[in-house]
PDB file of all heavy atoms in Angstrom:
ATOM      1  N   SER A   1      37.644  31.058 117.234  1.00  0.00           N
ATOM      2  CA  SER A   1      37.324  32.434 117.505  1.00  0.00           C
ATOM      3  C   SER A   1      36.087  32.535 118.335  1.00  0.00           C
ATOM      4  O   SER A   1      35.366  31.523 118.477  1.00  0.00           O
ATOM      5  CB  SER A   1      37.147  33.290 116.199  1.00  0.00           C
ATOM      6  OG  SER A   1      35.909  32.971 115.609  1.00  0.00           O
ATOM      7  N   ARG A   2      35.898  33.656 118.986  1.00  0.00           N
ATOM      8  CA  ARG A   2      34.642  33.915 119.647  1.00  0.00           C
ATOM      9  C   ARG A   2      33.602  34.493 118.687  1.00  0.00           C
ATOM     10  O   ARG A   2      33.946  34.641 117.539  1.00  0.00           O
ATOM     11  CB  ARG A   2      34.811  34.811 120.845  1.00  0.00           C
ATOM     12  CG  ARG A   2      35.766  34.203 121.951  1.00  0.00           C
ATOM     13  CD  ARG A   2      35.893  35.077 123.182  1.00  0.00           C
ATOM     14  NE  ARG A   2      36.831  34.546 124.109  1.00  0.00           N
ATOM     15  CZ  ARG A   2      36.448  33.744 125.071  1.00  0.00           C
ATOM     16  NH1 ARG A   2      35.115  33.409 125.195  1.00  0.00           N
ATOM     17  NH2 ARG A   2      37.298  33.182 125.939  1.00  0.00           N
ATOM     18  N   ARG A   3      32.527  34.915 119.139  1.00  0.00           N
ATOM     19  CA  ARG A   3      31.503  35.479 118.228  1.00  0.00           C
ATOM     20  C   ARG A   3      31.971  36.686 117.529  1.00  0.00           C
ATOM     21  O   ARG A   3      32.599  37.608 118.101  1.00  0.00           O
ATOM     22  CB  ARG A   3      30.189  35.807 119.102  1.00  0.00           C
ATOM     23  CG  ARG A   3      29.061  36.326 118.244  1.00  0.00           C
ATOM     24  CD  ARG A   3      27.733  36.094 118.934  1.00  0.00           C
ATOM     25  NE  ARG A   3      27.404  34.696 118.833  1.00  0.00           N
ATOM     26  CZ  ARG A   3      26.568  34.043 119.724  1.00  0.00           C
ATOM     27  NH1 ARG A   3      26.113  34.742 120.797  1.00  0.00           N
ATOM     28  NH2 ARG A   3      26.317  32.785 119.597  1.00  0.00           N
ATOM     29  N   LEU A   4      31.682  36.716 116.319  1.00  0.00           N
ATOM     30  CA  LEU A   4      32.227  37.792 115.416  1.00  0.00           C
ATOM     31  C   LEU A   4      31.258  38.953 115.185  1.00  0.00           C
ATOM     32  O   LEU A   4      30.062  38.736 115.258  1.00  0.00           O
ATOM     33  CB  LEU A   4      32.585  37.168 114.007  1.00  0.00           C
ATOM     34  CG  LEU A   4      33.606  35.949 114.039  1.00  0.00           C
ATOM     35  CD1 LEU A   4      33.736  35.392 112.581  1.00  0.00           C
ATOM     36  CD2 LEU A   4      34.964  36.362 114.569  1.00  0.00           C
ATOM     37  N   ASN A   5      31.833  40.150 114.887  1.00  0.00           N
ATOM     38  CA  ASN A   5      31.072  41.234 114.637  1.00  0.00           C
ATOM     39  C   ASN A   5      31.684  42.044 113.425  1.00  0.00           C
ATOM     40  O   ASN A   5      32.676  41.607 112.882  1.00  0.00           O
ATOM     41  CB  ASN A   5      30.804  42.201 115.833  1.00  0.00           C
ATOM     42  CG  ASN A   5      32.190  42.506 116.460  1.00  0.00           C
ATOM     43  OD1 ASN A   5      33.133  42.791 115.739  1.00  0.00           O
ATOM     44  ND2 ASN A   5      32.196  42.507 117.876  1.00  0.00           N
ATOM     45  N   GLY A   6      31.100  43.149 113.162  1.00  0.00           N
ATOM     46  CA  GLY A   6      31.652  44.001 112.070  1.00  0.00           C
ATOM     47  C   GLY A   6      33.038  44.425 112.258  1.00  0.00           C
ATOM     48  O   GLY A   6      33.756  44.649 111.181  1.00  0.00           O
ATOM     49  N   ASP A   7      33.577  44.456 113.449  1.00  0.00           N
ATOM     50  CA  ASP A   7      34.920  44.907 113.715  1.00  0.00           C
ATOM     51  C   ASP A   7      35.899  43.805 113.581  1.00  0.00           C
ATOM     52  O   ASP A   7      37.148  44.048 113.410  1.00  0.00           O
ATOM     53  CB  ASP A   7      35.015  45.569 115.111  1.00  0.00           C
ATOM     54  CG  ASP A   7      34.192  46.823 115.304  1.00  0.00           C
ATOM     55  OD1 ASP A   7      34.015  47.515 114.206  1.00  0.00           O
ATOM     56  OD2 ASP A   7      33.699  47.030 116.342  1.00  0.00           O
ATOM     57  N   THR A   8      35.501  42.511 113.817  1.00  0.00           N
ATOM     58  CA  THR A   8      36.500  41.461 113.825  1.00  0.00           C
ATOM     59  C   THR A   8      36.301  40.527 112.632  1.00  0.00           C
ATOM     60  O   THR A   8      37.103  39.571 112.413  1.00  0.00           O
ATOM     61  CB  THR A   8      36.180  40.605 115.088  1.00  0.00           C
ATOM     62  OG1 THR A   8      34.869  40.111 115.173  1.00  0.00           O
ATOM     63  CG2 THR A   8      36.572  41.459 116.274  1.00  0.00           C
ATOM     64  N   ILE A   9      35.211  40.669 111.842  1.00  0.00           N
ATOM     65  CA  ILE A   9      34.990  39.696 110.786  1.00  0.00           C
ATOM     66  C   ILE A   9      36.082  39.578 109.756  1.00  0.00           C
ATOM     67  O   ILE A   9      36.488  38.478 109.223  1.00  0.00           O
ATOM     68  CB  ILE A   9      33.624  40.005 110.087  1.00  0.00           C
ATOM     69  CG1 ILE A   9      33.245  38.887 109.023  1.00  0.00           C
ATOM     70  CG2 ILE A   9      33.658  41.379 109.426  1.00  0.00           C
ATOM     71  CD1 ILE A   9      33.072  37.552 109.551  1.00  0.00           C
ATOM     72  N   ASP A  10      36.715  40.795 109.477  1.00  0.00           N
ATOM     73  CA  ASP A  10      37.813  40.825 108.471  1.00  0.00           C
ATOM     74  C   ASP A  10      38.970  40.008 108.870  1.00  0.00           C
ATOM     75  O   ASP A  10      39.870  39.618 108.099  1.00  0.00           O
ATOM     76  CB  ASP A  10      38.255  42.230 108.156  1.00  0.00           C
ATOM     77  CG  ASP A  10      37.082  42.961 107.387  1.00  0.00           C
ATOM     78  OD1 ASP A  10      36.264  42.295 106.772  1.00  0.00           O
ATOM     79  OD2 ASP A  10      37.039  44.271 107.464  1.00  0.00           O
ATOM     80  N   LEU A  11      39.146  39.729 110.233  1.00  0.00           N
ATOM     81  CA  LEU A  11      40.281  38.910 110.646  1.00  0.00           C
ATOM     82  C   LEU A  11      40.140  37.373 110.331  1.00  0.00           C
ATOM     83  O   LEU A  11      41.179  36.720 110.317  1.00  0.00           O
ATOM     84  CB  LEU A  11      40.446  39.093 112.224  1.00  0.00           C
ATOM     85  CG  LEU A  11      40.685  40.586 112.700  1.00  0.00           C
ATOM     86  CD1 LEU A  11      40.693  40.495 114.234  1.00  0.00           C
ATOM     87  CD2 LEU A  11      42.032  41.096 112.144  1.00  0.00           C
ATOM     88  N   TYR A  12      38.921  37.013 110.025  1.00  0.00           N
ATOM     89  CA  TYR A  12      38.654  35.573 109.909  1.00  0.00           C
ATOM     90  C   TYR A  12      38.069  35.155 108.642  1.00  0.00           C
ATOM     91  O   TYR A  12      37.949  33.996 108.285  1.00  0.00           O
ATOM     92  CB  TYR A  12      37.801  35.059 111.168  1.00  0.00           C
ATOM     93  CG  TYR A  12      38.411  35.246 112.451  1.00  0.00           C
ATOM     94  CD1 TYR A  12      38.008  36.306 113.216  1.00  0.00           C
ATOM     95  CD2 TYR A  12      39.340  34.336 112.999  1.00  0.00           C
ATOM     96  CE1 TYR A  12      38.707  36.537 114.484  1.00  0.00           C
ATOM     97  CE2 TYR A  12      39.890  34.500 114.226  1.00  0.00           C
ATOM     98  CZ  TYR A  12      39.483  35.561 114.917  1.00  0.00           C
ATOM     99  OH  TYR A  12      40.069  35.705 116.237  1.00  0.00           O
ATOM    100  N   ALA A  13      37.518  36.121 107.817  1.00  0.00           N
ATOM    101  CA  ALA A  13      36.809  35.919 106.615  1.00  0.00           C
ATOM    102  C   ALA A  13      37.544  36.378 105.449  1.00  0.00           C
ATOM    103  O   ALA A  13      38.058  37.506 105.407  1.00  0.00           O
ATOM    104  CB  ALA A  13      35.359  36.626 106.663  1.00  0.00           C
ATOM    105  N   ASN A  14      37.525  35.621 104.343  1.00  0.00           N
ATOM    106  CA  ASN A  14      38.243  35.980 103.207  1.00  0.00           C
ATOM    107  C   ASN A  14      37.633  35.115 102.008  1.00  0.00           C
ATOM    108  O   ASN A  14      37.806  33.872 102.045  1.00  0.00           O
ATOM    109  CB  ASN A  14      39.768  35.889 103.177  1.00  0.00           C
ATOM    110  CG  ASN A  14      40.423  36.386 102.023  1.00  0.00           C
ATOM    111  OD1 ASN A  14      39.785  36.704 100.986  1.00  0.00           O
ATOM    112  ND2 ASN A  14      41.751  36.510 102.032  1.00  0.00           N
ATOM    113  N   GLU A  15      36.993  35.703 101.090  1.00  0.00           N
ATOM    114  CA  GLU A  15      36.290  34.894 100.021  1.00  0.00           C
ATOM    115  C   GLU A  15      37.389  34.217  99.145  1.00  0.00           C
ATOM    116  O   GLU A  15      37.047  33.357  98.375  1.00  0.00           O
ATOM    117  CB  GLU A  15      35.369  35.758  99.139  1.00  0.00           C
ATOM    118  CG  GLU A  15      36.044  36.924  98.451  1.00  0.00           C
ATOM    119  CD  GLU A  15      35.063  37.662  97.583  1.00  0.00           C
ATOM    120  OE1 GLU A  15      34.004  37.073  97.206  1.00  0.00           O
ATOM    121  OE2 GLU A  15      35.328  38.885  97.279  1.00  0.00           O
ATOM    122  N   HIS A  16      38.636  34.638  99.135  1.00  0.00           N
ATOM    123  CA  HIS A  16      39.667  33.985  98.364  1.00  0.00           C
ATOM    124  C   HIS A  16      40.753  33.406  99.329  1.00  0.00           C
ATOM    125  O   HIS A  16      41.927  33.118  98.785  1.00  0.00           O
ATOM    126  CB  HIS A  16      40.299  35.045  97.408  1.00  0.00           C
ATOM    127  CG  HIS A  16      39.256  35.646  96.498  1.00  0.00           C
ATOM    128  ND1 HIS A  16      38.638  34.996  95.494  1.00  0.00           N
ATOM    129  CD2 HIS A  16      38.933  37.015  96.376  1.00  0.00           C
ATOM    130  CE1 HIS A  16      37.827  35.806  94.886  1.00  0.00           C
ATOM    131  NE2 HIS A  16      37.955  37.073  95.376  1.00  0.00           N
ATOM    132  N   GLY A  17      40.461  33.185 100.514  1.00  0.00           N
ATOM    133  CA  GLY A  17      41.422  32.725 101.436  1.00  0.00           C
ATOM    134  C   GLY A  17      41.344  31.199 101.693  1.00  0.00           C
ATOM    135  O   GLY A  17      41.151  30.433 100.681  1.00  0.00           O
ATOM    136  N   THR A  18      41.691  30.700 102.817  1.00  0.00           N
ATOM    137  CA  THR A  18      41.663  29.330 103.060  1.00  0.00           C
ATOM    138  C   THR A  18      40.301  28.778 103.217  1.00  0.00           C
ATOM    139  O   THR A  18      39.300  29.527 103.074  1.00  0.00           O
ATOM    140  CB  THR A  18      42.437  29.076 104.474  1.00  0.00           C
ATOM    141  OG1 THR A  18      41.596  29.666 105.587  1.00  0.00           O
ATOM    142  CG2 THR A  18      43.822  29.674 104.483  1.00  0.00           C
ATOM    143  N   HIS A  19      40.231  27.425 103.435  1.00  0.00           N
ATOM    144  CA  HIS A  19      38.890  26.843 103.446  1.00  0.00           C
ATOM    145  C   HIS A  19      38.075  27.396 104.637  1.00  0.00           C
ATOM    146  O   HIS A  19      36.856  27.713 104.347  1.00  0.00           O
ATOM    147  CB  HIS A  19      39.136  25.222 103.653  1.00  0.00           C
ATOM    148  CG  HIS A  19      37.876  24.498 103.735  1.00  0.00           C
ATOM    149  ND1 HIS A  19      36.747  24.587 102.782  1.00  0.00           N
ATOM    150  CD2 HIS A  19      37.369  23.566 104.587  1.00  0.00           C
ATOM    151  CE1 HIS A  19      35.856  23.780 103.191  1.00  0.00           C
ATOM    152  NE2 HIS A  19      36.163  23.162 104.240  1.00  0.00           N
ATOM    153  N   ALA A  20      38.622  27.503 105.801  1.00  0.00           N
ATOM    154  CA  ALA A  20      37.885  28.004 106.962  1.00  0.00           C
ATOM    155  C   ALA A  20      37.525  29.483 106.704  1.00  0.00           C
ATOM    156  O   ALA A  20      36.477  29.809 107.024  1.00  0.00           O
ATOM    157  CB  ALA A  20      38.741  27.797 108.192  1.00  0.00           C
ATOM    158  N   GLU A  21      38.393  30.257 106.114  1.00  0.00           N
ATOM    159  CA  GLU A  21      38.117  31.692 105.906  1.00  0.00           C
ATOM    160  C   GLU A  21      36.942  31.742 104.889  1.00  0.00           C
ATOM    161  O   GLU A  21      36.169  32.613 105.047  1.00  0.00           O
ATOM    162  CB  GLU A  21      39.363  32.422 105.389  1.00  0.00           C
ATOM    163  CG  GLU A  21      40.422  32.509 106.411  1.00  0.00           C
ATOM    164  CD  GLU A  21      41.721  33.122 105.886  1.00  0.00           C
ATOM    165  OE1 GLU A  21      41.829  33.056 104.662  1.00  0.00           O
ATOM    166  OE2 GLU A  21      42.498  33.547 106.655  1.00  0.00           O
ATOM    167  N   ARG A  22      36.911  30.942 103.982  1.00  0.00           N
ATOM    168  CA  ARG A  22      35.735  31.069 102.936  1.00  0.00           C
ATOM    169  C   ARG A  22      34.460  30.612 103.578  1.00  0.00           C
ATOM    170  O   ARG A  22      33.381  31.130 103.213  1.00  0.00           O
ATOM    171  CB  ARG A  22      36.101  30.144 101.716  1.00  0.00           C
ATOM    172  CG  ARG A  22      37.272  30.667 100.989  1.00  0.00           C
ATOM    173  CD  ARG A  22      37.502  29.838  99.724  1.00  0.00           C
ATOM    174  NE  ARG A  22      38.686  30.209  99.018  1.00  0.00           N
ATOM    175  CZ  ARG A  22      38.831  30.163  97.699  1.00  0.00           C
ATOM    176  NH1 ARG A  22      37.852  29.793  96.952  1.00  0.00           N
ATOM    177  NH2 ARG A  22      39.992  30.581  97.155  1.00  0.00           N
ATOM    178  N   LEU A  23      34.545  29.643 104.551  1.00  0.00           N
ATOM    179  CA  LEU A  23      33.259  29.159 105.240  1.00  0.00           C
ATOM    180  C   LEU A  23      32.712  30.455 106.086  1.00  0.00           C
ATOM    181  O   LEU A  23      31.594  30.662 106.116  1.00  0.00           O
ATOM    182  CB  LEU A  23      33.534  27.985 106.115  1.00  0.00           C
ATOM    183  CG  LEU A  23      33.772  26.694 105.343  1.00  0.00           C
ATOM    184  CD1 LEU A  23      34.213  25.587 106.306  1.00  0.00           C
ATOM    185  CD2 LEU A  23      32.617  26.280 104.556  1.00  0.00           C
ATOM    186  N   VAL A  24      33.612  31.027 106.873  1.00  0.00           N
ATOM    187  CA  VAL A  24      33.186  32.216 107.627  1.00  0.00           C
ATOM    188  C   VAL A  24      32.646  33.276 106.744  1.00  0.00           C
ATOM    189  O   VAL A  24      31.624  33.904 107.063  1.00  0.00           O
ATOM    190  CB  VAL A  24      34.381  32.693 108.468  1.00  0.00           C
ATOM    191  CG1 VAL A  24      33.921  33.915 109.298  1.00  0.00           C
ATOM    192  CG2 VAL A  24      34.853  31.700 109.394  1.00  0.00           C
ATOM    193  N   ASP A  25      33.401  33.579 105.579  1.00  0.00           N
ATOM    194  CA  ASP A  25      32.823  34.558 104.634  1.00  0.00           C
ATOM    195  C   ASP A  25      31.462  34.281 104.094  1.00  0.00           C
ATOM    196  O   ASP A  25      30.696  35.078 103.913  1.00  0.00           O
ATOM    197  CB  ASP A  25      33.869  34.743 103.526  1.00  0.00           C
ATOM    198  CG  ASP A  25      33.508  35.864 102.554  1.00  0.00           C
ATOM    199  OD1 ASP A  25      33.613  36.978 102.830  1.00  0.00           O
ATOM    200  OD2 ASP A  25      33.032  35.450 101.454  1.00  0.00           O
ATOM    201  N   ALA A  26      31.331  32.969 103.799  1.00  0.00           N
ATOM    202  CA  ALA A  26      29.983  32.473 103.314  1.00  0.00           C
ATOM    203  C   ALA A  26      28.849  32.811 104.319  1.00  0.00           C
ATOM    204  O   ALA A  26      27.784  33.213 103.948  1.00  0.00           O
ATOM    205  CB  ALA A  26      29.992  31.074 102.982  1.00  0.00           C
ATOM    206  N   CYS A  27      29.165  32.525 105.601  1.00  0.00           N
ATOM    207  CA  CYS A  27      28.096  32.824 106.737  1.00  0.00           C
ATOM    208  C   CYS A  27      27.821  34.273 106.684  1.00  0.00           C
ATOM    209  O   CYS A  27      26.703  34.709 106.733  1.00  0.00           O
ATOM    210  CB  CYS A  27      28.729  32.378 108.034  1.00  0.00           C
ATOM    211  SG  CYS A  27      28.746  30.540 108.234  1.00  0.00           S
ATOM    212  N   TRP A  28      28.824  35.148 106.618  1.00  0.00           N
ATOM    213  CA  TRP A  28      28.649  36.509 106.803  1.00  0.00           C
ATOM    214  C   TRP A  28      27.961  37.166 105.590  1.00  0.00           C
ATOM    215  O   TRP A  28      27.158  38.049 105.647  1.00  0.00           O
ATOM    216  CB  TRP A  28      29.996  37.336 106.923  1.00  0.00           C
ATOM    217  CG  TRP A  28      29.848  38.605 107.555  1.00  0.00           C
ATOM    218  CD1 TRP A  28      29.946  39.888 106.993  1.00  0.00           C
ATOM    219  CD2 TRP A  28      29.736  38.863 109.014  1.00  0.00           C
ATOM    220  NE1 TRP A  28      29.809  40.856 107.916  1.00  0.00           N
ATOM    221  CE2 TRP A  28      29.620  40.264 109.163  1.00  0.00           C
ATOM    222  CE3 TRP A  28      29.512  38.005 110.151  1.00  0.00           C
ATOM    223  CZ2 TRP A  28      29.379  40.888 110.356  1.00  0.00           C
ATOM    224  CZ3 TRP A  28      29.337  38.609 111.340  1.00  0.00           C
ATOM    225  CH2 TRP A  28      29.270  40.035 111.392  1.00  0.00           C
ATOM    226  N   THR A  29      28.291  36.651 104.313  1.00  0.00           N
ATOM    227  CA  THR A  29      27.705  37.118 103.211  1.00  0.00           C
ATOM    228  C   THR A  29      26.224  36.652 102.980  1.00  0.00           C
ATOM    229  O   THR A  29      25.413  37.561 102.693  1.00  0.00           O
ATOM    230  CB  THR A  29      28.555  36.661 101.867  1.00  0.00           C
ATOM    231  OG1 THR A  29      29.848  37.027 102.011  1.00  0.00           O
ATOM    232  CG2 THR A  29      27.945  37.201 100.544  1.00  0.00           C
ATOM    233  N   LEU A  30      25.991  35.526 103.247  1.00  0.00           N
ATOM    234  CA  LEU A  30      24.565  34.987 103.186  1.00  0.00           C
ATOM    235  C   LEU A  30      23.693  35.641 104.209  1.00  0.00           C
ATOM    236  O   LEU A  30      22.591  35.817 104.079  1.00  0.00           O
ATOM    237  CB  LEU A  30      24.555  33.488 103.315  1.00  0.00           C
ATOM    238  CG  LEU A  30      25.189  32.601 102.205  1.00  0.00           C
ATOM    239  CD1 LEU A  30      25.092  31.179 102.508  1.00  0.00           C
ATOM    240  CD2 LEU A  30      24.463  32.904 100.859  1.00  0.00           C
ATOM    241  N   GLY A  31      24.407  36.007 105.398  1.00  0.00           N
ATOM    242  CA  GLY A  31      23.632  36.563 106.425  1.00  0.00           C
ATOM    243  C   GLY A  31      23.148  37.985 106.340  1.00  0.00           C
ATOM    244  O   GLY A  31      22.498  38.567 107.104  1.00  0.00           O
ATOM    245  N   GLN A  32      23.534  38.606 105.177  1.00  0.00           N
ATOM    246  CA  GLN A  32      23.048  39.931 104.746  1.00  0.00           C
ATOM    247  C   GLN A  32      21.595  39.882 104.516  1.00  0.00           C
ATOM    248  O   GLN A  32      20.781  40.887 104.757  1.00  0.00           O
ATOM    249  CB  GLN A  32      23.751  40.461 103.553  1.00  0.00           C
ATOM    250  CG  GLN A  32      25.239  40.696 103.748  1.00  0.00           C
ATOM    251  CD  GLN A  32      25.958  41.113 102.485  1.00  0.00           C
ATOM    252  OE1 GLN A  32      25.409  41.178 101.413  1.00  0.00           O
ATOM    253  NE2 GLN A  32      27.207  41.577 102.605  1.00  0.00           N
TER     254      GLN A  32
END
């Protein structure tokens, strides 16, 4: 993916999804 924002993060992040989706979700959650 390209750089993510609030409009596109839900397409790639899921705390209960695949391994890559959980890594993206961890970045977004910790980045709060």
